[in-house]
C-alpha cells in the first residue's frame, strides 16, 4: 500500500538511491508525483526524465483494471507494447548489422 511504498522511498532517499526512491514514490497509490519529480530534478538533476515521468503519469488511465487486455503492458494513453509483436523488442529483421557483437 501507500504507507509501505512511501516508507521504502524515504529509506532509499536516506541511502542516496534516488532513482529507486523516485520509483517507489510513483508506485504509491495514489502516486506521489510531485515528490518523485522533485527527487528526479533536484537529486538526479535530470529535467528530461522528470518531464517524461510527468507526461506518462498525466496520461495514465485512472484505473488499470479497465484495460481490455489484462496481461499487456501499457504505457501512457493506451500505447501497448504487445502491439509491437510479442515482447516489444526492438532488434527485429531491420536491425543494422553494424551493431553486431559477433567477432569476424
Protein backbone atom coordinates (compact mmCIF):
# COMPACT_ATOMS: atom_id res chain seq x y z
CA UNK A 1 0.00 0.00 0.00
CA UNK A 2 0.80 3.65 0.10
CA UNK A 3 2.45 3.58 3.53
CA UNK A 4 4.86 0.77 2.58
CA UNK A 5 5.85 2.40 -0.72
CA UNK A 6 6.33 5.78 0.98
CA UNK A 7 8.38 4.26 3.80
CA UNK A 8 10.60 2.40 1.32
CA UNK A 9 11.02 5.54 -0.80
CA UNK A 10 12.24 7.61 2.15
CA UNK A 11 14.54 4.79 3.22
CA UNK A 12 16.04 4.76 -0.28
CA UNK A 13 16.47 8.55 -0.15
CA UNK A 14 18.50 8.19 3.05
CA UNK A 15 20.67 5.63 1.24
CA UNK A 16 21.07 8.08 -1.68
CA UNK A 17 19.43 5.69 -4.15
CA UNK A 18 17.48 8.46 -5.80
CA UNK A 19 16.22 6.69 -8.92
CA UNK A 20 14.83 3.83 -6.85
CA UNK A 21 13.28 6.27 -4.38
CA UNK A 22 11.52 8.16 -7.18
CA UNK A 23 10.20 4.84 -8.48
CA UNK A 24 8.73 3.95 -5.10
CA UNK A 25 7.07 7.38 -4.83
CA UNK A 26 5.40 6.61 -8.17
CA UNK A 27 4.37 3.12 -7.01
CA UNK A 28 2.38 4.53 -4.10
CA UNK A 29 -1.38 4.50 -4.66
CA UNK A 30 -2.16 7.28 -5.45
CA UNK A 31 1.30 8.15 -6.82
CA UNK A 32 3.29 10.87 -5.08
CA UNK A 33 4.04 12.60 -8.36
CA UNK A 34 5.35 15.93 -7.06
CA UNK A 35 7.74 14.24 -4.63
CA UNK A 36 9.03 11.86 -7.32
CA UNK A 37 9.58 14.71 -9.76
CA UNK A 38 11.33 16.77 -7.08
CA UNK A 39 13.73 13.86 -6.44
CA UNK A 40 14.37 13.44 -10.17
CA UNK A 41 15.06 17.13 -10.79
CA UNK A 42 16.93 18.03 -7.61
CA UNK A 43 18.86 14.85 -6.80
CA UNK A 44 19.27 13.16 -10.20
CA UNK A 45 19.42 16.55 -11.97
CA UNK A 46 17.56 15.12 -14.96
CA UNK A 47 14.80 17.51 -16.08
CA UNK A 48 14.15 15.46 -19.24
CA UNK A 49 13.35 12.38 -17.16
CA UNK A 50 11.18 14.47 -14.84
CA UNK A 51 9.24 15.82 -17.81
CA UNK A 52 8.78 12.33 -19.28
CA UNK A 53 7.55 10.92 -15.95
CA UNK A 54 5.12 13.82 -15.55
CA UNK A 55 3.74 13.26 -19.04
CA UNK A 56 3.40 9.48 -18.56
CA UNK A 57 1.71 9.79 -15.19
CA UNK A 58 -0.57 12.54 -16.51
CA UNK A 59 -1.74 10.40 -19.42
CA UNK A 60 -2.10 7.13 -17.46
CA UNK A 61 -5.71 5.95 -17.12
CA UNK A 62 -7.04 6.31 -13.58
CA UNK A 63 -7.94 2.62 -13.30
CA UNK A 64 -5.65 -0.05 -14.74
CA UNK A 65 -8.40 -2.63 -14.16
CA UNK A 66 -10.34 -1.24 -17.14
CA UNK A 67 -7.70 -2.47 -19.60
CA UNK A 68 -9.12 -4.69 -22.31
CA UNK A 69 -6.00 -6.87 -22.40
CA UNK A 70 -5.12 -7.72 -18.81
CA UNK A 71 -1.65 -9.12 -19.49
CA UNK A 72 -0.41 -6.39 -21.86
CA UNK A 73 1.90 -3.71 -20.55
CA UNK A 74 0.52 -0.32 -21.46
CA UNK A 75 2.30 2.99 -21.37
CA UNK A 76 0.65 6.38 -21.16
CA UNK A 77 -2.59 6.88 -23.05
CA UNK A 78 -3.08 3.37 -24.39
CA UNK A 79 0.19 2.61 -26.23
CA UNK A 80 0.69 -1.10 -25.77
CA UNK A 81 3.96 -2.99 -26.02
CA UNK A 82 2.02 -6.04 -27.20
CA UNK A 83 1.28 -4.17 -30.42
CA UNK A 84 5.00 -4.36 -31.23
CA UNK A 85 4.88 -8.11 -31.73
CA UNK A 86 5.39 -10.11 -28.59
CA UNK A 87 7.81 -8.81 -26.00
CA UNK A 88 8.27 -5.39 -27.53
CA UNK A 89 11.87 -5.99 -28.60
CA UNK A 90 13.49 -3.56 -30.99
CA UNK A 91 16.03 -5.86 -32.64
CA UNK A 92 13.80 -7.08 -35.45
CA UNK A 93 14.76 -8.09 -39.01
CA UNK A 94 15.53 -4.48 -39.95
CA UNK A 95 18.19 -4.13 -37.25
CA UNK A 96 21.51 -2.94 -38.65
CA UNK A 97 24.32 -5.49 -38.60
CA UNK A 98 26.87 -2.77 -37.87
CA UNK A 99 25.90 -3.07 -34.21
CA UNK A 100 26.50 -6.80 -34.15
CA UNK A 101 28.69 -8.09 -31.32
CA UNK A 102 29.89 -11.19 -33.18
CA UNK A 103 33.59 -11.46 -33.94
CA UNK A 104 34.72 -11.81 -37.54
